Amino acid sequence: MDNFMRKFLKHRKFSNDIAKAVEEKTLKTTAEQEMEHRLLAEAMTKGVINEMMPTFRKMLENQQKAKEKPVKKIIIPD
């Protein structure tokens, strides 16, 4: 178990027994399970990104249009 999880459990005031149980459980995860979880997380991330890209592109286009201000012309009467 990495330091982040230890600190997180300690910060949330979990007992040392629970932290030890979590550590034992994480040690039981095999390399295959870890790779499966990483692939699943990657697939989920790609799905979310593909869903959000059109919205993100529209937002960027709107921001660019807002930045492009029309050129002001001052007309001086003769």
PDB file of N, CA and C in Angstrom:
ATOM      1  N   MET A   1       0.867  -1.175   0.000  1.00  0.00           N
ATOM      2  CA  MET A   1       0.000   0.000   0.000  1.00  0.00           C
ATOM      3  C   MET A   1       0.908   1.229   0.000  1.00  0.00           C
ATOM      4  N   ASP A   2       0.557   2.188  -0.813  1.00  0.00           N
ATOM      5  CA  ASP A   2       1.398   3.374  -0.922  1.00  0.00           C
ATOM      6  C   ASP A   2       1.137   4.356   0.218  1.00  0.00           C
ATOM      7  N   ASN A   3       2.019   5.329   0.326  1.00  0.00           N
ATOM      8  CA  ASN A   3       1.927   6.308   1.412  1.00  0.00           C
ATOM      9  C   ASN A   3       0.652   7.130   1.339  1.00  0.00           C
ATOM     10  N   PHE A   4       0.166   7.382   0.126  1.00  0.00           N
ATOM     11  CA  PHE A   4      -1.053   8.177  -0.020  1.00  0.00           C
ATOM     12  C   PHE A   4      -2.216   7.512   0.706  1.00  0.00           C
ATOM     13  N   MET A   5      -2.374   6.194   0.488  1.00  0.00           N
ATOM     14  CA  MET A   5      -3.491   5.489   1.123  1.00  0.00           C
ATOM     15  C   MET A   5      -3.323   5.464   2.641  1.00  0.00           C
ATOM     16  N   ARG A   6      -2.096   5.257   3.103  1.00  0.00           N
ATOM     17  CA  ARG A   6      -1.865   5.254   4.548  1.00  0.00           C
ATOM     18  C   ARG A   6      -2.238   6.602   5.155  1.00  0.00           C
ATOM     19  N   LYS A   7      -1.754   7.670   4.522  1.00  0.00           N
ATOM     20  CA  LYS A   7      -2.050   9.011   5.026  1.00  0.00           C
ATOM     21  C   LYS A   7      -3.539   9.309   4.951  1.00  0.00           C
ATOM     22  N   PHE A   8      -4.175   8.864   3.869  1.00  0.00           N
ATOM     23  CA  PHE A   8      -5.609   9.103   3.702  1.00  0.00           C
ATOM     24  C   PHE A   8      -6.393   8.407   4.806  1.00  0.00           C
ATOM     25  N   LEU A   9      -6.095   7.129   5.043  1.00  0.00           N
ATOM     26  CA  LEU A   9      -6.801   6.388   6.092  1.00  0.00           C
ATOM     27  C   LEU A   9      -6.526   6.994   7.467  1.00  0.00           C
ATOM     28  N   LYS A  10      -5.275   7.411   7.693  1.00  0.00           N
ATOM     29  CA  LYS A  10      -4.938   8.022   8.970  1.00  0.00           C
ATOM     30  C   LYS A  10      -5.663   9.355   9.132  1.00  0.00           C
ATOM     31  N   HIS A  11      -5.717  10.138   8.049  1.00  0.00           N
ATOM     32  CA  HIS A  11      -6.399  11.431   8.090  1.00  0.00           C
ATOM     33  C   HIS A  11      -7.892  11.263   8.376  1.00  0.00           C
ATOM     34  N   ARG A  12      -8.479  10.210   7.809  1.00  0.00           N
ATOM     35  CA  ARG A  12      -9.904   9.947   8.029  1.00  0.00           C
ATOM     36  C   ARG A  12     -10.171   9.210   9.329  1.00  0.00           C
ATOM     37  N   LYS A  13      -9.121   9.061  10.127  1.00  0.00           N
ATOM     38  CA  LYS A  13      -9.192   8.487  11.472  1.00  0.00           C
ATOM     39  C   LYS A  13      -9.667   7.031  11.482  1.00  0.00           C
ATOM     40  N   PHE A  14      -9.230   6.255  10.478  1.00  0.00           N
ATOM     41  CA  PHE A  14      -9.484   4.825  10.502  1.00  0.00           C
ATOM     42  C   PHE A  14      -8.448   4.187  11.425  1.00  0.00           C
ATOM     43  N   SER A  15      -8.828   3.099  12.053  1.00  0.00           N
ATOM     44  CA  SER A  15      -7.896   2.438  12.969  1.00  0.00           C
ATOM     45  C   SER A  15      -6.782   1.754  12.189  1.00  0.00           C
ATOM     46  N   ASN A  16      -5.711   1.421  12.904  1.00  0.00           N
ATOM     47  CA  ASN A  16      -4.582   0.741  12.275  1.00  0.00           C
ATOM     48  C   ASN A  16      -4.979  -0.639  11.770  1.00  0.00           C
ATOM     49  N   ASP A  17      -5.955  -1.261  12.439  1.00  0.00           N
ATOM     50  CA  ASP A  17      -6.411  -2.580  12.001  1.00  0.00           C
ATOM     51  C   ASP A  17      -7.017  -2.507  10.606  1.00  0.00           C
ATOM     52  N   ILE A  18      -7.783  -1.480  10.355  1.00  0.00           N
ATOM     53  CA  ILE A  18      -8.392  -1.317   9.037  1.00  0.00           C
ATOM     54  C   ILE A  18      -7.313  -1.035   8.000  1.00  0.00           C
ATOM     55  N   ALA A  19      -6.351  -0.213   8.353  1.00  0.00           N
ATOM     56  CA  ALA A  19      -5.251   0.085   7.433  1.00  0.00           C
ATOM     57  C   ALA A  19      -4.472  -1.182   7.105  1.00  0.00           C
ATOM     58  N   LYS A  20      -4.239  -2.024   8.101  1.00  0.00           N
ATOM     59  CA  LYS A  20      -3.539  -3.286   7.872  1.00  0.00           C
ATOM     60  C   LYS A  20      -4.369  -4.216   6.988  1.00  0.00           C
ATOM     61  N   ALA A  21      -5.681  -4.243   7.208  1.00  0.00           N
ATOM     62  CA  ALA A  21      -6.551  -5.088   6.399  1.00  0.00           C
ATOM     63  C   ALA A  21      -6.551  -4.631   4.943  1.00  0.00           C
ATOM     64  N   VAL A  22      -6.566  -3.321   4.742  1.00  0.00           N
ATOM     65  CA  VAL A  22      -6.515  -2.785   3.381  1.00  0.00           C
ATOM     66  C   VAL A  22      -5.190  -3.143   2.737  1.00  0.00           C
ATOM     67  N   GLU A  23      -4.113  -3.045   3.498  1.00  0.00           N
ATOM     68  CA  GLU A  23      -2.800  -3.377   2.962  1.00  0.00           C
ATOM     69  C   GLU A  23      -2.719  -4.858   2.586  1.00  0.00           C
ATOM     70  N   GLU A  24      -3.254  -5.738   3.433  1.00  0.00           N
ATOM     71  CA  GLU A  24      -3.254  -7.164   3.120  1.00  0.00           C
ATOM     72  C   GLU A  24      -4.075  -7.451   1.868  1.00  0.00           C
ATOM     73  N   LYS A  25      -5.192  -6.772   1.744  1.00  0.00           N
ATOM     74  CA  LYS A  25      -6.053  -6.979   0.575  1.00  0.00           C
ATOM     75  C   LYS A  25      -5.352  -6.519  -0.704  1.00  0.00           C
ATOM     76  N   THR A  26      -4.640  -5.390  -0.626  1.00  0.00           N
ATOM     77  CA  THR A  26      -3.948  -4.896  -1.817  1.00  0.00           C
ATOM     78  C   THR A  26      -2.780  -5.790  -2.194  1.00  0.00           C
ATOM     79  N   LEU A  27      -2.165  -6.451  -1.220  1.00  0.00           N
ATOM     80  CA  LEU A  27      -1.070  -7.363  -1.531  1.00  0.00           C
ATOM     81  C   LEU A  27      -1.563  -8.601  -2.272  1.00  0.00           C
ATOM     82  N   LYS A  28      -2.826  -8.949  -2.075  1.00  0.00           N
ATOM     83  CA  LYS A  28      -3.385 -10.133  -2.719  1.00  0.00           C
ATOM     84  C   LYS A  28      -3.691  -9.909  -4.198  1.00  0.00           C
ATOM     85  N   THR A  29      -3.763  -8.658  -4.611  1.00  0.00           N
ATOM     86  CA  THR A  29      -4.075  -8.392  -6.021  1.00  0.00           C
ATOM     87  C   THR A  29      -2.914  -8.846  -6.884  1.00  0.00           C
ATOM     88  N   THR A  30      -3.235  -9.612  -7.862  1.00  0.00           N
ATOM     89  CA  THR A  30      -2.187 -10.126  -8.736  1.00  0.00           C
ATOM     90  C   THR A  30      -1.887  -9.133  -9.846  1.00  0.00           C
ATOM     91  N   ALA A  31      -0.829  -9.395 -10.542  1.00  0.00           N
ATOM     92  CA  ALA A  31      -0.440  -8.521 -11.655  1.00  0.00           C
ATOM     93  C   ALA A  31      -1.511  -8.547 -12.747  1.00  0.00           C
ATOM     94  N   GLU A  32      -2.130  -9.711 -12.943  1.00  0.00           N
ATOM     95  CA  GLU A  32      -3.196  -9.823 -13.953  1.00  0.00           C
ATOM     96  C   GLU A  32      -4.379  -8.932 -13.597  1.00  0.00           C
ATOM     97  N   GLN A  33      -4.781  -8.979 -12.341  1.00  0.00           N
ATOM     98  CA  GLN A  33      -5.905  -8.148 -11.909  1.00  0.00           C
ATOM     99  C   GLN A  33      -5.559  -6.668 -12.053  1.00  0.00           C
ATOM    100  N   GLU A  34      -4.327  -6.321 -11.717  1.00  0.00           N
ATOM    101  CA  GLU A  34      -3.912  -4.928 -11.832  1.00  0.00           C
ATOM    102  C   GLU A  34      -3.964  -4.471 -13.291  1.00  0.00           C
ATOM    103  N   MET A  35      -3.475  -5.317 -14.201  1.00  0.00           N
ATOM    104  CA  MET A  35      -3.506  -4.982 -15.619  1.00  0.00           C
ATOM    105  C   MET A  35      -4.948  -4.884 -16.116  1.00  0.00           C
ATOM    106  N   GLU A  36      -5.801  -5.785 -15.655  1.00  0.00           N
ATOM    107  CA  GLU A  36      -7.217  -5.747 -16.040  1.00  0.00           C
ATOM    108  C   GLU A  36      -7.859  -4.446 -15.563  1.00  0.00           C
ATOM    109  N   HIS A  37      -7.554  -4.049 -14.333  1.00  0.00           N
ATOM    110  CA  HIS A  37      -8.109  -2.809 -13.791  1.00  0.00           C
ATOM    111  C   HIS A  37      -7.591  -1.588 -14.552  1.00  0.00           C
ATOM    112  N   ARG A  38      -6.321  -1.619 -14.923  1.00  0.00           N
ATOM    113  CA  ARG A  38      -5.758  -0.500 -15.689  1.00  0.00           C
ATOM    114  C   ARG A  38      -6.417  -0.390 -17.063  1.00  0.00           C
ATOM    115  N   LEU A  39      -6.622  -1.537 -17.710  1.00  0.00           N
ATOM    116  CA  LEU A  39      -7.275  -1.523 -19.024  1.00  0.00           C
ATOM    117  C   LEU A  39      -8.712  -1.033 -18.914  1.00  0.00           C
ATOM    118  N   LEU A  40      -9.401  -1.465 -17.869  1.00  0.00           N
ATOM    119  CA  LEU A  40     -10.771  -1.008 -17.652  1.00  0.00           C
ATOM    120  C   LEU A  40     -10.810   0.496 -17.406  1.00  0.00           C
ATOM    121  N   ALA A  41      -9.880   0.988 -16.584  1.00  0.00           N
ATOM    122  CA  ALA A  41      -9.817   2.424 -16.314  1.00  0.00           C
ATOM    123  C   ALA A  41      -9.496   3.196 -17.586  1.00  0.00           C
ATOM    124  N   GLU A  42      -8.603   2.660 -18.407  1.00  0.00           N
ATOM    125  CA  GLU A  42      -8.248   3.312 -19.671  1.00  0.00           C
ATOM    126  C   GLU A  42      -9.453   3.378 -20.607  1.00  0.00           C
ATOM    127  N   ALA A  43     -10.201   2.274 -20.688  1.00  0.00           N
ATOM    128  CA  ALA A  43     -11.380   2.246 -21.551  1.00  0.00           C
ATOM    129  C   ALA A  43     -12.438   3.235 -21.061  1.00  0.00           C
ATOM    130  N   MET A  44     -12.631   3.299 -19.751  1.00  0.00           N
ATOM    131  CA  MET A  44     -13.603   4.247 -19.203  1.00  0.00           C
ATOM    132  C   MET A  44     -13.173   5.680 -19.478  1.00  0.00           C
ATOM    133  N   THR A  45     -11.891   5.961 -19.323  1.00  0.00           N
ATOM    134  CA  THR A  45     -11.369   7.301 -19.574  1.00  0.00           C
ATOM    135  C   THR A  45     -11.566   7.698 -21.026  1.00  0.00           C
ATOM    136  N   LYS A  46     -11.260   6.775 -21.938  1.00  0.00           N
ATOM    137  CA  LYS A  46     -11.454   7.067 -23.361  1.00  0.00           C
ATOM    138  C   LYS A  46     -12.921   7.342 -23.665  1.00  0.00           C
ATOM    139  N   GLY A  47     -13.819   6.570 -23.056  1.00  0.00           N
ATOM    140  CA  GLY A  47     -15.246   6.794 -23.265  1.00  0.00           C
ATOM    141  C   GLY A  47     -15.688   8.169 -22.807  1.00  0.00           C
ATOM    142  N   VAL A  48     -15.236   8.567 -21.628  1.00  0.00           N
ATOM    143  CA  VAL A  48     -15.602   9.882 -21.096  1.00  0.00           C
ATOM    144  C   VAL A  48     -15.038  10.988 -21.981  1.00  0.00           C
ATOM    145  N   ILE A  49     -13.792  10.828 -22.412  1.00  0.00           N
ATOM    146  CA  ILE A  49     -13.168  11.846 -23.262  1.00  0.00           C
ATOM    147  C   ILE A  49     -13.901  11.962 -24.587  1.00  0.00           C
ATOM    148  N   ASN A  50     -14.251  10.833 -25.183  1.00  0.00           N
ATOM    149  CA  ASN A  50     -14.968  10.866 -26.459  1.00  0.00           C
ATOM    150  C   ASN A  50     -16.333  11.525 -26.325  1.00  0.00           C
ATOM    151  N   GLU A  51     -16.984  11.348 -25.183  1.00  0.00           N
ATOM    152  CA  GLU A  51     -18.281  11.988 -24.966  1.00  0.00           C
ATOM    153  C   GLU A  51     -18.141  13.492 -24.762  1.00  0.00           C
ATOM    154  N   MET A  52     -17.052  13.913 -24.121  1.00  0.00           N
ATOM    155  CA  MET A  52     -16.900  15.315 -23.762  1.00  0.00           C
ATOM    156  C   MET A  52     -16.213  16.163 -24.829  1.00  0.00           C
ATOM    157  N   MET A  53     -15.525  15.556 -25.776  1.00  0.00           N
ATOM    158  CA  MET A  53     -14.771  16.332 -26.764  1.00  0.00           C
ATOM    159  C   MET A  53     -15.643  17.294 -27.578  1.00  0.00           C
ATOM    160  N   PRO A  54     -16.813  16.878 -28.093  1.00  0.00           N
ATOM    161  CA  PRO A  54     -17.621  17.855 -28.843  1.00  0.00           C
ATOM    162  C   PRO A  54     -18.011  19.069 -27.993  1.00  0.00           C
ATOM    163  N   THR A  55     -18.365  18.825 -26.749  1.00  0.00           N
ATOM    164  CA  THR A  55     -18.727  19.931 -25.862  1.00  0.00           C
ATOM    165  C   THR A  55     -17.520  20.824 -25.607  1.00  0.00           C
ATOM    166  N   PHE A  56     -16.366  20.225 -25.405  1.00  0.00           N
ATOM    167  CA  PHE A  56     -15.144  20.977 -25.166  1.00  0.00           C
ATOM    168  C   PHE A  56     -14.771  21.814 -26.383  1.00  0.00           C
ATOM    169  N   ARG A  57     -14.892  21.229 -27.574  1.00  0.00           N
ATOM    170  CA  ARG A  57     -14.577  21.976 -28.803  1.00  0.00           C
ATOM    171  C   ARG A  57     -15.513  23.164 -28.973  1.00  0.00           C
ATOM    172  N   LYS A  58     -16.810  22.969 -28.706  1.00  0.00           N
ATOM    173  CA  LYS A  58     -17.763  24.075 -28.822  1.00  0.00           C
ATOM    174  C   LYS A  58     -17.415  25.185 -27.838  1.00  0.00           C
ATOM    175  N   MET A  59     -17.027  24.790 -26.637  1.00  0.00           N
ATOM    176  CA  MET A  59     -16.669  25.780 -25.628  1.00  0.00           C
ATOM    177  C   MET A  59     -15.448  26.582 -26.079  1.00  0.00           C
ATOM    178  N   LEU A  60     -14.441  25.900 -26.638  1.00  0.00           N
ATOM    179  CA  LEU A  60     -13.252  26.596 -27.120  1.00  0.00           C
ATOM    180  C   LEU A  60     -13.595  27.533 -28.278  1.00  0.00           C
ATOM    181  N   GLU A  61     -14.445  27.077 -29.195  1.00  0.00           N
ATOM    182  CA  GLU A  61     -14.852  27.938 -30.315  1.00  0.00           C
ATOM    183  C   GLU A  61     -15.570  29.176 -29.811  1.00  0.00           C
ATOM    184  N   ASN A  62     -16.453  29.010 -28.834  1.00  0.00           N
ATOM    185  CA  ASN A  62     -17.169  30.156 -28.269  1.00  0.00           C
ATOM    186  C   ASN A  62     -16.213  31.132 -27.592  1.00  0.00           C
ATOM    187  N   GLN A  63     -15.200  30.599 -26.912  1.00  0.00           N
ATOM    188  CA  GLN A  63     -14.220  31.475 -26.273  1.00  0.00           C
ATOM    189  C   GLN A  63     -13.411  32.238 -27.318  1.00  0.00           C
ATOM    190  N   GLN A  64     -13.051  31.569 -28.407  1.00  0.00           N
ATOM    191  CA  GLN A  64     -12.282  32.241 -29.448  1.00  0.00           C
ATOM    192  C   GLN A  64     -13.125  33.312 -30.133  1.00  0.00           C
ATOM    193  N   LYS A  65     -14.404  33.038 -30.347  1.00  0.00           N
ATOM    194  CA  LYS A  65     -15.281  34.030 -30.961  1.00  0.00           C
ATOM    195  C   LYS A  65     -15.449  35.236 -30.038  1.00  0.00           C
ATOM    196  N   ALA A  66     -15.505  34.981 -28.752  1.00  0.00           N
ATOM    197  CA  ALA A  66     -15.652  36.074 -27.794  1.00  0.00           C
ATOM    198  C   ALA A  66     -14.394  36.946 -27.775  1.00  0.00           C
ATOM    199  N   LYS A  67     -13.237  36.329 -27.984  1.00  0.00           N
ATOM    200  CA  LYS A  67     -11.988  37.089 -27.984  1.00  0.00           C
ATOM    201  C   LYS A  67     -11.845  37.941 -29.249  1.00  0.00           C
ATOM    202  N   GLU A  68     -12.395  37.476 -30.347  1.00  0.00           N
ATOM    203  CA  GLU A  68     -12.278  38.205 -31.613  1.00  0.00           C
ATOM    204  C   GLU A  68     -13.279  39.358 -31.609  1.00  0.00           C
ATOM    205  N   LYS A  69     -12.798  40.508 -31.240  1.00  0.00           N
ATOM    206  CA  LYS A  69     -13.659  41.683 -31.201  1.00  0.00           C
ATOM    207  C   LYS A  69     -13.617  42.361 -32.567  1.00  0.00           C
ATOM    208  N   PRO A  70     -14.719  42.926 -32.980  1.00  0.00           N
ATOM    209  CA  PRO A  70     -14.709  43.620 -34.266  1.00  0.00           C
ATOM    210  C   PRO A  70     -13.818  44.863 -34.205  1.00  0.00           C
ATOM    211  N   VAL A  71     -13.230  45.187 -35.318  1.00  0.00           N
ATOM    212  CA  VAL A  71     -12.348  46.344 -35.387  1.00  0.00           C
ATOM    213  C   VAL A  71     -13.214  47.617 -35.358  1.00  0.00           C
ATOM    214  N   LYS A  72     -12.866  48.504 -34.477  1.00  0.00           N
ATOM    215  CA  LYS A  72     -13.625  49.756 -34.337  1.00  0.00           C
ATOM    216  C   LYS A  72     -13.059  50.769 -35.321  1.00  0.00           C
ATOM    217  N   LYS A  73     -13.954  51.392 -36.058  1.00  0.00           N
ATOM    218  CA  LYS A  73     -13.544  52.419 -36.996  1.00  0.00           C
ATOM    219  C   LYS A  73     -14.077  53.754 -36.514  1.00  0.00           C
ATOM    220  N   ILE A  74     -13.212  54.695 -36.512  1.00  0.00           N
ATOM    221  CA  ILE A  74     -13.625  56.037 -36.127  1.00  0.00           C
ATOM    222  C   ILE A  74     -13.786  56.842 -37.402  1.00  0.00           C
ATOM    223  N   ILE A  75     -14.988  57.307 -37.605  1.00  0.00           N
ATOM    224  CA  ILE A  75     -15.276  58.112 -38.804  1.00  0.00           C
ATOM    225  C   ILE A  75     -15.267  59.573 -38.384  1.00  0.00           C
ATOM    226  N   ILE A  76     -14.394  60.326 -39.027  1.00  0.00           N
ATOM    227  CA  ILE A  76     -14.277  61.748 -38.733  1.00  0.00           C
ATOM    228  C   ILE A  76     -14.939  62.498 -39.888  1.00  0.00           C
ATOM    229  N   PRO A  77     -15.926  63.323 -39.574  1.00  0.00           N
ATOM    230  CA  PRO A  77     -16.595  64.094 -40.648  1.00  0.00           C
ATOM    231  C   PRO A  77     -15.628  65.140 -41.222  1.00  0.00           C
ATOM    232  N   ASP A  78     -15.724  65.362 -42.541  1.00  0.00           N
ATOM    233  CA  ASP A  78     -14.847  66.353 -43.195  1.00  0.00           C
ATOM    234  C   ASP A  78     -15.365  67.745 -43.027  1.00  0.00           C
TER     235      ASP A  78
END
